[in-house]
Amino acid sequence: MTVRLYVDESRSMRFGEIGGPNKLACALRLAACVGYSALSGEDLVSAHSFADRMTATLPPIRGKGSAGRLFEYFERRLEDNSEDRIGSDDLSDAFLQPGALPRKPGQSWLFTDGLYGSGLEQTLNAFASARQHLVFVQLLSPDELAPSLSGELKLIDSESGAAKEVAIGRGVMAAYYAVLREHTESIRQLCAERGFAYLLVDTSVPVADTAVRALLSEGLLM
C-alpha cells in the first residue's frame, strides 16, 4: 500500500509553545507514528507539507531502515520558522493545484486544525476522486477547545492579521462553543459520507496516548 502524509503548516498550526500543546508539533509527531508504522509494514510512504500551497515534500520511501529520513524531514519542518507563507481561508487552495494529489490509489492522512472558512468539501471530494482512503485528523489546542476568555479583548487572525475588538461574555462563549461543535461535526459528517475516517485530537493529550488510545483503538494504526 502507498501511504501519504499531508501536514498543515499554516500559521494557525504554529500557535502555542513547541514543548506544549503546539498543533504543528503534535501533527508532525503523530504523522511520524503513522509513517513509522507504515514503513514497518513495508508500505511506501511519502510526506507533504502545505499552507496555501504545497511547501515541501519527502519523496516515497520504503522499509524500516528509511525511518530516519522521515523523522529528519519532520524535524526540519518543525524548525522552519519562515514567515513567507501566504495565509489562506480556503483549504482547497493547496489541494486543487496540479500534482498536489496522487494519480494512484492509496491511503492518505491529512493533519490540520481544519480552521478554514471554505474548501473543506472540495478538498474531500478531490481526495475521493484521487481514489484515496483518507484519515482526517483535526488537531485543536486547549485554548480552542475550552478558551478562558472574558472582558474586552482584541482578537487577531493568525493567518490574515485582521484584528477585531470584542466583548467576551457568557453569551459570546456559548455561541463560540455552538459554532465549534457545528464545525467539527460538519467535518465528521462530510468524512463519513465519503467513507473516510475522522479523528479529533486535543493537543494537550500526550502524543503516545493519542496514538495508542485513539489510532490503535479505531484500527487506524497497526
C-alpha atoms as a PDB file:
ATOM      1  CA  MET A   1       0.000   0.000   0.000  1.00  0.00           C
ATOM      2  CA  THR A   2       1.042   3.579  -0.595  1.00  0.00           C
ATOM      3  CA  VAL A   3       0.634   5.934   2.382  1.00  0.00           C
ATOM      4  CA  ARG A   4       0.803   9.712   2.009  1.00  0.00           C
ATOM      5  CA  LEU A   5       1.080  12.065   4.979  1.00  0.00           C
ATOM      6  CA  TYR A   6      -0.145  15.653   4.483  1.00  0.00           C
ATOM      7  CA  VAL A   7       0.661  18.105   7.302  1.00  0.00           C
ATOM      8  CA  ASP A   8      -0.805  21.604   7.514  1.00  0.00           C
ATOM      9  CA  GLU A   9       1.924  24.089   8.469  1.00  0.00           C
ATOM     10  CA  SER A  10      -0.088  27.289   8.110  1.00  0.00           C
ATOM     11  CA  ARG A  11       0.394  29.964  10.765  1.00  0.00           C
ATOM     12  CA  SER A  12      -2.588  28.881  12.841  1.00  0.00           C
ATOM     13  CA  MET A  13      -0.951  25.456  13.240  1.00  0.00           C
ATOM     14  CA  ARG A  14       2.109  27.083  14.823  1.00  0.00           C
ATOM     15  CA  PHE A  15       0.097  28.574  17.671  1.00  0.00           C
ATOM     16  CA  GLY A  16       1.419  27.670  21.139  1.00  0.00           C
ATOM     17  CA  GLU A  17       4.726  26.572  22.610  1.00  0.00           C
ATOM     18  CA  ILE A  18       6.648  23.799  20.816  1.00  0.00           C
ATOM     19  CA  GLY A  19       7.112  21.948  24.106  1.00  0.00           C
ATOM     20  CA  GLY A  20       3.427  22.355  24.951  1.00  0.00           C
ATOM     21  CA  PRO A  21       0.172  21.928  23.027  1.00  0.00           C
ATOM     22  CA  ASN A  22       1.554  23.270  19.738  1.00  0.00           C
ATOM     23  CA  LYS A  23      -0.626  21.956  16.910  1.00  0.00           C
ATOM     24  CA  LEU A  24       2.126  21.624  14.317  1.00  0.00           C
ATOM     25  CA  ALA A  25       4.454  19.789  16.706  1.00  0.00           C
ATOM     26  CA  CYS A  26       1.640  17.407  17.644  1.00  0.00           C
ATOM     27  CA  ALA A  27       0.707  16.866  13.978  1.00  0.00           C
ATOM     28  CA  LEU A  28       4.293  16.078  12.990  1.00  0.00           C
ATOM     29  CA  ARG A  29       4.738  13.616  15.845  1.00  0.00           C
ATOM     30  CA  LEU A  30       1.502  11.834  15.042  1.00  0.00           C
ATOM     31  CA  ALA A  31       2.474  11.727  11.364  1.00  0.00           C
ATOM     32  CA  ALA A  32       5.813  10.226  12.400  1.00  0.00           C
ATOM     33  CA  CYS A  33       3.983   7.480  14.332  1.00  0.00           C
ATOM     34  CA  VAL A  34       1.779   6.690  11.329  1.00  0.00           C
ATOM     35  CA  GLY A  35       4.728   6.812   8.936  1.00  0.00           C
ATOM     36  CA  TYR A  36       6.883   4.529  11.088  1.00  0.00           C
ATOM     37  CA  SER A  37       4.054   2.015  11.367  1.00  0.00           C
ATOM     38  CA  ALA A  38       3.600   2.033   7.588  1.00  0.00           C
ATOM     39  CA  LEU A  39       7.339   1.668   6.945  1.00  0.00           C
ATOM     40  CA  SER A  40       7.476  -1.238   9.373  1.00  0.00           C
ATOM     41  CA  GLY A  41       4.810  -2.927   7.276  1.00  0.00           C
ATOM     42  CA  GLU A  42       6.853  -2.374   4.093  1.00  0.00           C
ATOM     43  CA  ASP A  43       4.367   0.206   2.775  1.00  0.00           C
ATOM     44  CA  LEU A  44       5.558   3.022   0.525  1.00  0.00           C
ATOM     45  CA  VAL A  45       5.458   6.322   2.455  1.00  0.00           C
ATOM     46  CA  SER A  46       5.708   9.959   1.347  1.00  0.00           C
ATOM     47  CA  ALA A  47       5.247  13.186   3.333  1.00  0.00           C
ATOM     48  CA  HIS A  48       3.908  16.535   2.165  1.00  0.00           C
ATOM     49  CA  SER A  49       3.705  19.917   3.900  1.00  0.00           C
ATOM     50  CA  PHE A  50       1.259  22.623   2.877  1.00  0.00           C
ATOM     51  CA  ALA A  51      -0.100  26.066   3.694  1.00  0.00           C
ATOM     52  CA  ASP A  52      -1.779  27.938   0.834  1.00  0.00           C
ATOM     53  CA  ARG A  53       0.172  25.578  -1.473  1.00  0.00           C
ATOM     54  CA  MET A  54       2.406  22.536  -1.148  1.00  0.00           C
ATOM     55  CA  THR A  55       5.559  23.830   0.539  1.00  0.00           C
ATOM     56  CA  ALA A  56       7.762  20.733   0.882  1.00  0.00           C
ATOM     57  CA  THR A  57       7.758  17.033   0.006  1.00  0.00           C
ATOM     58  CA  LEU A  58       9.631  13.920   1.075  1.00  0.00           C
ATOM     59  CA  PRO A  59       9.653  11.550  -1.929  1.00  0.00           C
ATOM     60  CA  PRO A  60       8.391   7.985  -1.384  1.00  0.00           C
ATOM     61  CA  ILE A  61      10.494   5.770   0.871  1.00  0.00           C
ATOM     62  CA  ARG A  62      10.107   2.153   1.965  1.00  0.00           C
ATOM     63  CA  GLY A  63      11.326  -0.050   4.787  1.00  0.00           C
ATOM     64  CA  LYS A  64      12.013   0.445   8.475  1.00  0.00           C
ATOM     65  CA  GLY A  65      15.592   1.472   7.627  1.00  0.00           C
ATOM     66  CA  SER A  66      14.219   4.603   5.952  1.00  0.00           C
ATOM     67  CA  ALA A  67      12.529   5.849   9.137  1.00  0.00           C
ATOM     68  CA  GLY A  68      15.436   8.180   9.883  1.00  0.00           C
ATOM     69  CA  ARG A  69      14.792  10.098   6.658  1.00  0.00           C
ATOM     70  CA  LEU A  70      11.139  10.524   7.605  1.00  0.00           C
ATOM     71  CA  PHE A  71      11.983  11.758  11.110  1.00  0.00           C
ATOM     72  CA  GLU A  72      14.611  14.175   9.768  1.00  0.00           C
ATOM     73  CA  TYR A  73      12.104  15.608   7.296  1.00  0.00           C
ATOM     74  CA  PHE A  74       9.555  16.273  10.051  1.00  0.00           C
ATOM     75  CA  GLU A  75      12.220  17.759  12.318  1.00  0.00           C
ATOM     76  CA  ARG A  76      13.230  20.205   9.592  1.00  0.00           C
ATOM     77  CA  ARG A  77       9.599  21.214   9.071  1.00  0.00           C
ATOM     78  CA  LEU A  78       9.206  21.914  12.778  1.00  0.00           C
ATOM     79  CA  GLU A  79      12.363  24.042  12.841  1.00  0.00           C
ATOM     80  CA  ASP A  80      11.373  26.003   9.720  1.00  0.00           C
ATOM     81  CA  ASN A  81      10.166  29.339  11.083  1.00  0.00           C
ATOM     82  CA  SER A  82       9.934  31.151   7.748  1.00  0.00           C
ATOM     83  CA  GLU A  83       7.180  33.764   7.694  1.00  0.00           C
ATOM     84  CA  ASP A  84       6.697  33.994   3.926  1.00  0.00           C
ATOM     85  CA  ARG A  85       3.689  31.686   3.803  1.00  0.00           C
ATOM     86  CA  ILE A  86       0.609  33.419   2.476  1.00  0.00           C
ATOM     87  CA  GLY A  87      -2.400  32.693   4.643  1.00  0.00           C
ATOM     88  CA  SER A  88      -5.480  31.195   3.019  1.00  0.00           C
ATOM     89  CA  ASP A  89      -9.022  30.745   4.265  1.00  0.00           C
ATOM     90  CA  ASP A  90      -9.666  28.083   1.612  1.00  0.00           C
ATOM     91  CA  LEU A  91      -8.243  24.612   2.305  1.00  0.00           C
ATOM     92  CA  SER A  92      -8.647  23.563  -1.317  1.00  0.00           C
ATOM     93  CA  ASP A  93      -6.096  26.171  -2.489  1.00  0.00           C
ATOM     94  CA  ALA A  94      -3.316  23.679  -1.741  1.00  0.00           C
ATOM     95  CA  PHE A  95      -5.028  20.520  -2.976  1.00  0.00           C
ATOM     96  CA  LEU A  96      -6.579  21.651  -6.247  1.00  0.00           C
ATOM     97  CA  GLN A  97      -3.211  22.641  -7.697  1.00  0.00           C
ATOM     98  CA  PRO A  98      -1.820  20.341 -10.426  1.00  0.00           C
ATOM     99  CA  GLY A  99       0.191  17.468  -8.963  1.00  0.00           C
ATOM    100  CA  ALA A 100      -0.933  18.067  -5.377  1.00  0.00           C
ATOM    101  CA  LEU A 101      -2.716  14.712  -5.148  1.00  0.00           C
ATOM    102  CA  PRO A 102      -1.519  11.292  -6.319  1.00  0.00           C
ATOM    103  CA  ARG A 103      -2.550   9.548  -9.518  1.00  0.00           C
ATOM    104  CA  LYS A 104      -2.591   6.080  -7.967  1.00  0.00           C
ATOM    105  CA  PRO A 105      -4.986   4.862  -5.249  1.00  0.00           C
ATOM    106  CA  GLY A 106      -3.805   4.524  -1.667  1.00  0.00           C
ATOM    107  CA  GLN A 107      -4.227   5.811   1.861  1.00  0.00           C
ATOM    108  CA  SER A 108      -3.781   9.480   2.755  1.00  0.00           C
ATOM    109  CA  TRP A 109      -3.616  11.146   6.148  1.00  0.00           C
ATOM    110  CA  LEU A 110      -4.500  14.838   6.496  1.00  0.00           C
ATOM    111  CA  PHE A 111      -3.288  16.539   9.690  1.00  0.00           C
ATOM    112  CA  THR A 112      -4.847  20.005  10.100  1.00  0.00           C
ATOM    113  CA  ASP A 113      -6.743  22.184  12.548  1.00  0.00           C
ATOM    114  CA  GLY A 114      -9.492  22.453   9.932  1.00  0.00           C
ATOM    115  CA  LEU A 115      -9.966  26.143  10.713  1.00  0.00           C
ATOM    116  CA  TYR A 116     -10.808  27.196   7.185  1.00  0.00           C
ATOM    117  CA  GLY A 117     -13.752  29.253   6.048  1.00  0.00           C
ATOM    118  CA  SER A 118     -14.175  27.261   2.849  1.00  0.00           C
ATOM    119  CA  GLY A 119     -12.733  24.478   0.722  1.00  0.00           C
ATOM    120  CA  LEU A 120     -13.255  21.562   3.108  1.00  0.00           C
ATOM    121  CA  GLU A 121     -15.837  19.774   0.980  1.00  0.00           C
ATOM    122  CA  GLN A 122     -13.920  20.457  -2.237  1.00  0.00           C
ATOM    123  CA  THR A 123     -10.764  19.034  -0.667  1.00  0.00           C
ATOM    124  CA  LEU A 124     -12.514  15.855   0.475  1.00  0.00           C
ATOM    125  CA  ASN A 125     -14.035  15.453  -2.977  1.00  0.00           C
ATOM    126  CA  ALA A 126     -10.578  15.805  -4.512  1.00  0.00           C
ATOM    127  CA  PHE A 127      -9.197  13.010  -2.289  1.00  0.00           C
ATOM    128  CA  ALA A 128     -12.167  10.823  -3.196  1.00  0.00           C
ATOM    129  CA  SER A 129     -11.644  11.482  -6.905  1.00  0.00           C
ATOM    130  CA  ALA A 130      -7.973  10.553  -6.470  1.00  0.00           C
ATOM    131  CA  ARG A 131      -9.142   7.176  -5.075  1.00  0.00           C
ATOM    132  CA  GLN A 132      -7.651   7.856  -1.660  1.00  0.00           C
ATOM    133  CA  HIS A 133      -8.895   6.410   1.611  1.00  0.00           C
ATOM    134  CA  LEU A 134      -8.499   9.498   3.771  1.00  0.00           C
ATOM    135  CA  VAL A 135      -7.951   9.760   7.502  1.00  0.00           C
ATOM    136  CA  PHE A 136      -8.792  13.331   8.527  1.00  0.00           C
ATOM    137  CA  VAL A 137      -7.012  14.224  11.777  1.00  0.00           C
ATOM    138  CA  GLN A 138      -8.254  17.530  13.183  1.00  0.00           C
ATOM    139  CA  LEU A 139      -5.972  18.985  15.856  1.00  0.00           C
ATOM    140  CA  LEU A 140      -7.210  21.673  18.226  1.00  0.00           C
ATOM    141  CA  SER A 141      -5.457  23.211  21.214  1.00  0.00           C
ATOM    142  CA  PRO A 142      -6.962  23.540  24.713  1.00  0.00           C
ATOM    143  CA  ASP A 143      -7.348  27.292  24.082  1.00  0.00           C
ATOM    144  CA  GLU A 144      -9.543  26.451  21.097  1.00  0.00           C
ATOM    145  CA  LEU A 145     -11.496  23.613  22.694  1.00  0.00           C
ATOM    146  CA  ALA A 146     -12.094  25.453  26.002  1.00  0.00           C
ATOM    147  CA  PRO A 147     -10.848  29.068  25.812  1.00  0.00           C
ATOM    148  CA  SER A 148     -10.530  31.059  29.024  1.00  0.00           C
ATOM    149  CA  LEU A 149     -11.550  34.486  27.771  1.00  0.00           C
ATOM    150  CA  SER A 150     -13.500  37.334  29.324  1.00  0.00           C
ATOM    151  CA  GLY A 151     -13.817  41.107  29.148  1.00  0.00           C
ATOM    152  CA  GLU A 152     -12.827  43.498  26.369  1.00  0.00           C
ATOM    153  CA  LEU A 153     -10.274  41.896  24.050  1.00  0.00           C
ATOM    154  CA  LYS A 154      -8.676  42.368  20.645  1.00  0.00           C
ATOM    155  CA  LEU A 155      -8.662  39.108  18.682  1.00  0.00           C
ATOM    156  CA  ILE A 156      -6.143  38.769  15.841  1.00  0.00           C
ATOM    157  CA  ASP A 157      -6.453  36.282  12.972  1.00  0.00           C
ATOM    158  CA  SER A 158      -3.125  34.425  12.815  1.00  0.00           C
ATOM    159  CA  GLU A 159      -3.455  33.899   9.042  1.00  0.00           C
ATOM    160  CA  SER A 160      -4.631  37.292   7.783  1.00  0.00           C
ATOM    161  CA  GLY A 161      -3.536  39.510  10.682  1.00  0.00           C
ATOM    162  CA  ALA A 162      -7.014  41.074  10.814  1.00  0.00           C
ATOM    163  CA  ALA A 163      -7.969  42.355  14.275  1.00  0.00           C
ATOM    164  CA  LYS A 164     -11.363  42.758  15.892  1.00  0.00           C
ATOM    165  CA  GLU A 165     -12.386  44.309  19.207  1.00  0.00           C
ATOM    166  CA  VAL A 166     -14.835  42.077  21.066  1.00  0.00           C
ATOM    167  CA  ALA A 167     -16.536  41.948  24.452  1.00  0.00           C
ATOM    168  CA  ILE A 168     -16.384  38.378  25.777  1.00  0.00           C
ATOM    169  CA  GLY A 169     -19.285  37.309  27.959  1.00  0.00           C
ATOM    170  CA  ARG A 170     -21.298  34.159  28.618  1.00  0.00           C
ATOM    171  CA  GLY A 171     -23.424  34.686  25.527  1.00  0.00           C
ATOM    172  CA  VAL A 172     -20.408  35.042  23.266  1.00  0.00           C
ATOM    173  CA  MET A 173     -18.751  31.947  24.734  1.00  0.00           C
ATOM    174  CA  ALA A 174     -21.948  29.902  24.356  1.00  0.00           C
ATOM    175  CA  ALA A 175     -22.138  30.961  20.712  1.00  0.00           C
ATOM    176  CA  TYR A 176     -18.469  30.052  20.237  1.00  0.00           C
ATOM    177  CA  TYR A 177     -18.950  26.517  21.599  1.00  0.00           C
ATOM    178  CA  ALA A 178     -22.021  26.048  19.401  1.00  0.00           C
ATOM    179  CA  VAL A 179     -20.140  27.117  16.269  1.00  0.00           C
ATOM    180  CA  LEU A 180     -17.152  24.915  17.176  1.00  0.00           C
ATOM    181  CA  ARG A 181     -19.380  21.859  17.673  1.00  0.00           C
ATOM    182  CA  GLU A 182     -21.157  22.559  14.414  1.00  0.00           C
ATOM    183  CA  HIS A 183     -17.842  22.920  12.569  1.00  0.00           C
ATOM    184  CA  THR A 184     -16.246  19.715  13.885  1.00  0.00           C
ATOM    185  CA  GLU A 185     -19.456  17.708  13.388  1.00  0.00           C
ATOM    186  CA  SER A 186     -19.729  19.048   9.844  1.00  0.00           C
ATOM    187  CA  ILE A 187     -16.234  17.745   9.051  1.00  0.00           C
ATOM    188  CA  ARG A 188     -17.035  14.413  10.708  1.00  0.00           C
ATOM    189  CA  GLN A 189     -20.223  14.093   8.628  1.00  0.00           C
ATOM    190  CA  LEU A 190     -18.504  15.058   5.358  1.00  0.00           C
ATOM    191  CA  CYS A 191     -15.874  12.389   6.027  1.00  0.00           C
ATOM    192  CA  ALA A 192     -18.477   9.743   6.912  1.00  0.00           C
ATOM    193  CA  GLU A 193     -20.421  10.425   3.714  1.00  0.00           C
ATOM    194  CA  ARG A 194     -17.306   9.542   1.700  1.00  0.00           C
ATOM    195  CA  GLY A 195     -16.251   6.550   3.771  1.00  0.00           C
ATOM    196  CA  PHE A 196     -13.332   8.493   5.277  1.00  0.00           C
ATOM    197  CA  ALA A 197     -12.152   8.262   8.876  1.00  0.00           C
ATOM    198  CA  TYR A 198     -12.213  11.295  11.186  1.00  0.00           C
ATOM    199  CA  LEU A 199     -10.363  11.877  14.433  1.00  0.00           C
ATOM    200  CA  LEU A 200     -10.491  14.949  16.691  1.00  0.00           C
ATOM    201  CA  VAL A 201      -7.262  15.420  18.667  1.00  0.00           C
ATOM    202  CA  ASP A 202      -6.731  17.547  21.782  1.00  0.00           C
ATOM    203  CA  THR A 203      -3.096  18.653  21.513  1.00  0.00           C
ATOM    204  CA  SER A 204      -2.708  18.762  25.306  1.00  0.00           C
ATOM    205  CA  VAL A 205      -3.006  14.949  25.361  1.00  0.00           C
ATOM    206  CA  PRO A 206       0.412  13.254  25.028  1.00  0.00           C
ATOM    207  CA  VAL A 207       1.050  12.005  21.509  1.00  0.00           C
ATOM    208  CA  ALA A 208       1.713   8.466  22.761  1.00  0.00           C
ATOM    209  CA  ASP A 209      -1.713   8.371  24.416  1.00  0.00           C
ATOM    210  CA  THR A 210      -3.400   9.658  21.253  1.00  0.00           C
ATOM    211  CA  ALA A 211      -1.595   7.085  19.130  1.00  0.00           C
ATOM    212  CA  VAL A 212      -2.456   4.172  21.433  1.00  0.00           C
ATOM    213  CA  ARG A 213      -5.941   5.062  22.663  1.00  0.00           C
ATOM    214  CA  ALA A 214      -7.296   6.682  19.511  1.00  0.00           C
ATOM    215  CA  LEU A 215      -5.405   5.462  16.446  1.00  0.00           C
ATOM    216  CA  LEU A 216      -4.980   1.883  17.629  1.00  0.00           C
ATOM    217  CA  SER A 217      -8.436   1.554  19.175  1.00  0.00           C
ATOM    218  CA  GLU A 218     -10.033   2.857  15.979  1.00  0.00           C
ATOM    219  CA  GLY A 219      -7.997   0.422  13.901  1.00  0.00           C
ATOM    220  CA  LEU A 220      -6.264   3.275  12.088  1.00  0.00           C
ATOM    221  CA  LEU A 221      -2.756   2.274  13.147  1.00  0.00           C
ATOM    222  CA  MET A 222      -1.366  -1.245  13.013  1.00  0.00           C
END
